[in-house]
Amino acid sequence: MNRFESFDGEAVIDFGDGDFVMLKPGSYVVCAVTGQHIPLESLRYWNATLNEAYKDADAALVRWKQLQAEKADSGE
């Protein structure tokens, strides 16, 4: 049994640099890019500043590129 198996539904997470704190128990979070459920035991990618979770490295890269394009468009 994994440590999140006893929880149901979506968790509310506060993402930090290298770890996270569960504010509301749940068994998954939603990927900010794909909308897919990410079981907490599989969660490896997130952005602490935006407090967003990503399904995998590819989804994290897609979001990073979006953020870079937004910065370029705003002239930052």
N, C-alpha and C. Protein backbone atom coordinates (compact mmCIF):
# COMPACT_ATOMS: atom_id res chain seq x y z
N MET A 1 0.85 -1.19 0.00
CA MET A 1 0.00 0.00 0.00
C MET A 1 0.89 1.24 0.00
N ASN A 2 0.61 2.19 -0.94
CA ASN A 2 1.38 3.42 -0.93
C ASN A 2 0.76 4.39 0.08
N ARG A 3 1.49 5.43 0.42
CA ARG A 3 1.06 6.31 1.49
C ARG A 3 -0.12 7.20 1.14
N PHE A 4 -0.49 7.30 -0.16
CA PHE A 4 -1.62 8.15 -0.56
C PHE A 4 -2.86 7.33 -0.93
N GLU A 5 -2.75 6.02 -0.88
CA GLU A 5 -3.82 5.13 -1.34
C GLU A 5 -5.11 5.29 -0.55
N SER A 6 -5.03 5.65 0.71
CA SER A 6 -6.23 5.73 1.55
C SER A 6 -7.05 7.00 1.30
N PHE A 7 -6.51 7.95 0.51
CA PHE A 7 -7.22 9.20 0.23
C PHE A 7 -7.99 9.08 -1.08
N ASP A 8 -9.10 9.80 -1.16
CA ASP A 8 -9.90 9.86 -2.39
C ASP A 8 -9.93 11.28 -2.91
N GLY A 9 -10.07 11.41 -4.23
CA GLY A 9 -10.27 12.71 -4.84
C GLY A 9 -8.99 13.50 -5.05
N GLU A 10 -9.19 14.74 -5.47
CA GLU A 10 -8.07 15.62 -5.77
C GLU A 10 -7.48 16.23 -4.50
N ALA A 11 -6.17 16.18 -4.41
CA ALA A 11 -5.46 16.79 -3.29
C ALA A 11 -5.22 18.28 -3.58
N VAL A 12 -5.13 19.05 -2.53
CA VAL A 12 -4.70 20.44 -2.64
C VAL A 12 -3.29 20.48 -2.07
N ILE A 13 -2.36 20.94 -2.91
CA ILE A 13 -0.94 20.86 -2.58
C ILE A 13 -0.32 22.26 -2.58
N ASP A 14 0.59 22.48 -1.65
CA ASP A 14 1.44 23.67 -1.67
C ASP A 14 2.83 23.17 -2.08
N PHE A 15 3.24 23.51 -3.31
CA PHE A 15 4.50 23.03 -3.84
C PHE A 15 5.65 23.89 -3.38
N GLY A 16 6.71 23.24 -2.94
CA GLY A 16 7.93 23.93 -2.55
C GLY A 16 9.05 23.56 -3.50
N ASP A 17 10.24 24.02 -3.18
CA ASP A 17 11.42 23.69 -3.98
C ASP A 17 11.94 22.32 -3.54
N GLY A 18 11.49 21.28 -4.18
CA GLY A 18 11.98 19.94 -3.88
C GLY A 18 11.04 19.08 -3.07
N ASP A 19 9.99 19.65 -2.50
CA ASP A 19 9.00 18.85 -1.79
C ASP A 19 7.66 19.58 -1.83
N PHE A 20 6.65 18.96 -1.26
CA PHE A 20 5.33 19.60 -1.23
C PHE A 20 4.63 19.27 0.08
N VAL A 21 3.64 20.10 0.40
CA VAL A 21 2.82 19.91 1.60
C VAL A 21 1.39 19.72 1.14
N MET A 22 0.74 18.67 1.64
CA MET A 22 -0.65 18.40 1.30
C MET A 22 -1.54 19.23 2.23
N LEU A 23 -2.28 20.17 1.65
CA LEU A 23 -3.19 21.02 2.42
C LEU A 23 -4.55 20.37 2.58
N LYS A 24 -4.96 19.60 1.57
CA LYS A 24 -6.22 18.84 1.62
C LYS A 24 -5.90 17.46 1.08
N PRO A 25 -6.15 16.43 1.86
CA PRO A 25 -5.82 15.07 1.42
C PRO A 25 -6.53 14.68 0.13
N GLY A 26 -5.84 13.92 -0.66
CA GLY A 26 -6.37 13.38 -1.90
C GLY A 26 -5.39 12.38 -2.46
N SER A 27 -5.77 11.74 -3.54
CA SER A 27 -4.90 10.71 -4.13
C SER A 27 -4.21 11.19 -5.40
N TYR A 28 -4.61 12.36 -5.91
CA TYR A 28 -4.03 12.85 -7.16
C TYR A 28 -4.09 14.37 -7.22
N VAL A 29 -3.33 14.94 -8.17
CA VAL A 29 -3.45 16.35 -8.56
C VAL A 29 -3.66 16.36 -10.07
N VAL A 30 -4.03 17.52 -10.60
CA VAL A 30 -4.31 17.64 -12.03
C VAL A 30 -3.15 18.35 -12.72
N CYS A 31 -2.71 17.80 -13.83
CA CYS A 31 -1.63 18.41 -14.61
C CYS A 31 -2.12 19.74 -15.19
N ALA A 32 -1.34 20.79 -15.00
CA ALA A 32 -1.70 22.13 -15.47
C ALA A 32 -1.67 22.23 -17.00
N VAL A 33 -0.98 21.31 -17.67
CA VAL A 33 -0.87 21.35 -19.12
C VAL A 33 -1.86 20.41 -19.80
N THR A 34 -1.92 19.18 -19.33
CA THR A 34 -2.73 18.16 -20.01
C THR A 34 -4.11 17.96 -19.39
N GLY A 35 -4.28 18.36 -18.14
CA GLY A 35 -5.54 18.12 -17.44
C GLY A 35 -5.68 16.71 -16.91
N GLN A 36 -4.66 15.89 -17.10
CA GLN A 36 -4.70 14.50 -16.63
C GLN A 36 -4.46 14.41 -15.14
N HIS A 37 -5.03 13.38 -14.52
CA HIS A 37 -4.79 13.13 -13.11
C HIS A 37 -3.38 12.55 -12.94
N ILE A 38 -2.67 13.05 -11.93
CA ILE A 38 -1.34 12.55 -11.59
C ILE A 38 -1.44 11.94 -10.20
N PRO A 39 -1.31 10.62 -10.08
CA PRO A 39 -1.30 10.02 -8.74
C PRO A 39 -0.14 10.62 -7.93
N LEU A 40 -0.38 10.93 -6.67
CA LEU A 40 0.65 11.59 -5.87
C LEU A 40 1.93 10.79 -5.78
N GLU A 41 1.83 9.46 -5.80
CA GLU A 41 3.05 8.67 -5.74
C GLU A 41 3.88 8.78 -7.02
N SER A 42 3.29 9.31 -8.10
CA SER A 42 3.99 9.50 -9.37
C SER A 42 4.40 10.96 -9.61
N LEU A 43 4.03 11.85 -8.72
CA LEU A 43 4.29 13.28 -8.90
C LEU A 43 5.78 13.58 -8.78
N ARG A 44 6.38 14.07 -9.86
CA ARG A 44 7.81 14.38 -9.88
C ARG A 44 8.10 15.79 -10.41
N TYR A 45 7.15 16.40 -11.12
CA TYR A 45 7.40 17.68 -11.78
C TYR A 45 6.36 18.70 -11.36
N TRP A 46 6.85 19.88 -10.95
CA TRP A 46 5.95 20.98 -10.61
C TRP A 46 6.71 22.29 -10.64
N ASN A 47 5.95 23.38 -10.62
CA ASN A 47 6.51 24.73 -10.55
C ASN A 47 6.07 25.31 -9.22
N ALA A 48 7.02 25.51 -8.32
CA ALA A 48 6.70 26.02 -6.98
C ALA A 48 6.17 27.44 -7.03
N THR A 49 6.70 28.26 -7.93
CA THR A 49 6.27 29.66 -8.04
C THR A 49 4.81 29.76 -8.48
N LEU A 50 4.45 28.97 -9.49
CA LEU A 50 3.08 28.99 -10.00
C LEU A 50 2.16 28.02 -9.27
N ASN A 51 2.74 27.16 -8.43
CA ASN A 51 2.00 26.12 -7.71
C ASN A 51 1.21 25.24 -8.67
N GLU A 52 1.90 24.78 -9.72
CA GLU A 52 1.31 23.92 -10.75
C GLU A 52 2.04 22.58 -10.80
N ALA A 53 1.28 21.53 -11.06
CA ALA A 53 1.83 20.19 -11.23
C ALA A 53 1.87 19.83 -12.70
N TYR A 54 2.84 18.99 -13.08
CA TYR A 54 2.98 18.54 -14.46
C TYR A 54 3.12 17.02 -14.50
N LYS A 55 2.46 16.42 -15.47
CA LYS A 55 2.43 14.96 -15.61
C LYS A 55 3.81 14.36 -15.79
N ASP A 56 4.64 15.03 -16.58
CA ASP A 56 5.97 14.49 -16.89
C ASP A 56 6.86 15.63 -17.37
N ALA A 57 8.09 15.28 -17.73
CA ALA A 57 9.05 16.29 -18.16
C ALA A 57 8.59 16.99 -19.44
N ASP A 58 7.93 16.27 -20.33
CA ASP A 58 7.44 16.89 -21.56
C ASP A 58 6.40 17.97 -21.26
N ALA A 59 5.49 17.69 -20.34
CA ALA A 59 4.48 18.68 -19.97
C ALA A 59 5.13 19.89 -19.29
N ALA A 60 6.12 19.64 -18.45
CA ALA A 60 6.83 20.74 -17.79
C ALA A 60 7.54 21.61 -18.82
N LEU A 61 8.12 21.00 -19.85
CA LEU A 61 8.80 21.75 -20.91
C LEU A 61 7.81 22.58 -21.72
N VAL A 62 6.65 22.02 -22.02
CA VAL A 62 5.62 22.77 -22.74
C VAL A 62 5.24 24.01 -21.95
N ARG A 63 5.04 23.87 -20.65
CA ARG A 63 4.66 25.02 -19.81
C ARG A 63 5.79 26.04 -19.74
N TRP A 64 7.04 25.56 -19.62
CA TRP A 64 8.19 26.47 -19.58
C TRP A 64 8.25 27.30 -20.86
N LYS A 65 8.03 26.65 -22.01
CA LYS A 65 8.05 27.36 -23.29
C LYS A 65 6.92 28.40 -23.35
N GLN A 66 5.75 28.04 -22.82
CA GLN A 66 4.64 29.00 -22.78
C GLN A 66 5.02 30.23 -21.95
N LEU A 67 5.63 29.99 -20.81
CA LEU A 67 6.02 31.10 -19.94
C LEU A 67 7.08 31.98 -20.59
N GLN A 68 8.02 31.36 -21.31
CA GLN A 68 9.05 32.13 -22.00
C GLN A 68 8.45 32.98 -23.11
N ALA A 69 7.48 32.42 -23.84
CA ALA A 69 6.80 33.17 -24.90
C ALA A 69 6.02 34.35 -24.31
N GLU A 70 5.37 34.13 -23.16
CA GLU A 70 4.62 35.22 -22.51
C GLU A 70 5.57 36.34 -22.08
N LYS A 71 6.74 35.97 -21.55
CA LYS A 71 7.73 36.97 -21.17
C LYS A 71 8.21 37.77 -22.37
N ALA A 72 8.47 37.08 -23.47
CA ALA A 72 8.93 37.74 -24.69
C ALA A 72 7.86 38.70 -25.22
N ASP A 73 6.61 38.26 -25.20
CA ASP A 73 5.51 39.10 -25.68
C ASP A 73 5.30 40.34 -24.82
N SER A 74 5.60 40.22 -23.52
CA SER A 74 5.40 41.37 -22.63
C SER A 74 6.63 42.27 -22.57
N GLY A 75 7.72 41.84 -23.23
CA GLY A 75 8.92 42.66 -23.26
C GLY A 75 9.81 42.54 -22.04
N GLU A 76 9.59 41.52 -21.23
CA GLU A 76 10.43 41.34 -20.03
C GLU A 76 11.80 40.84 -20.38
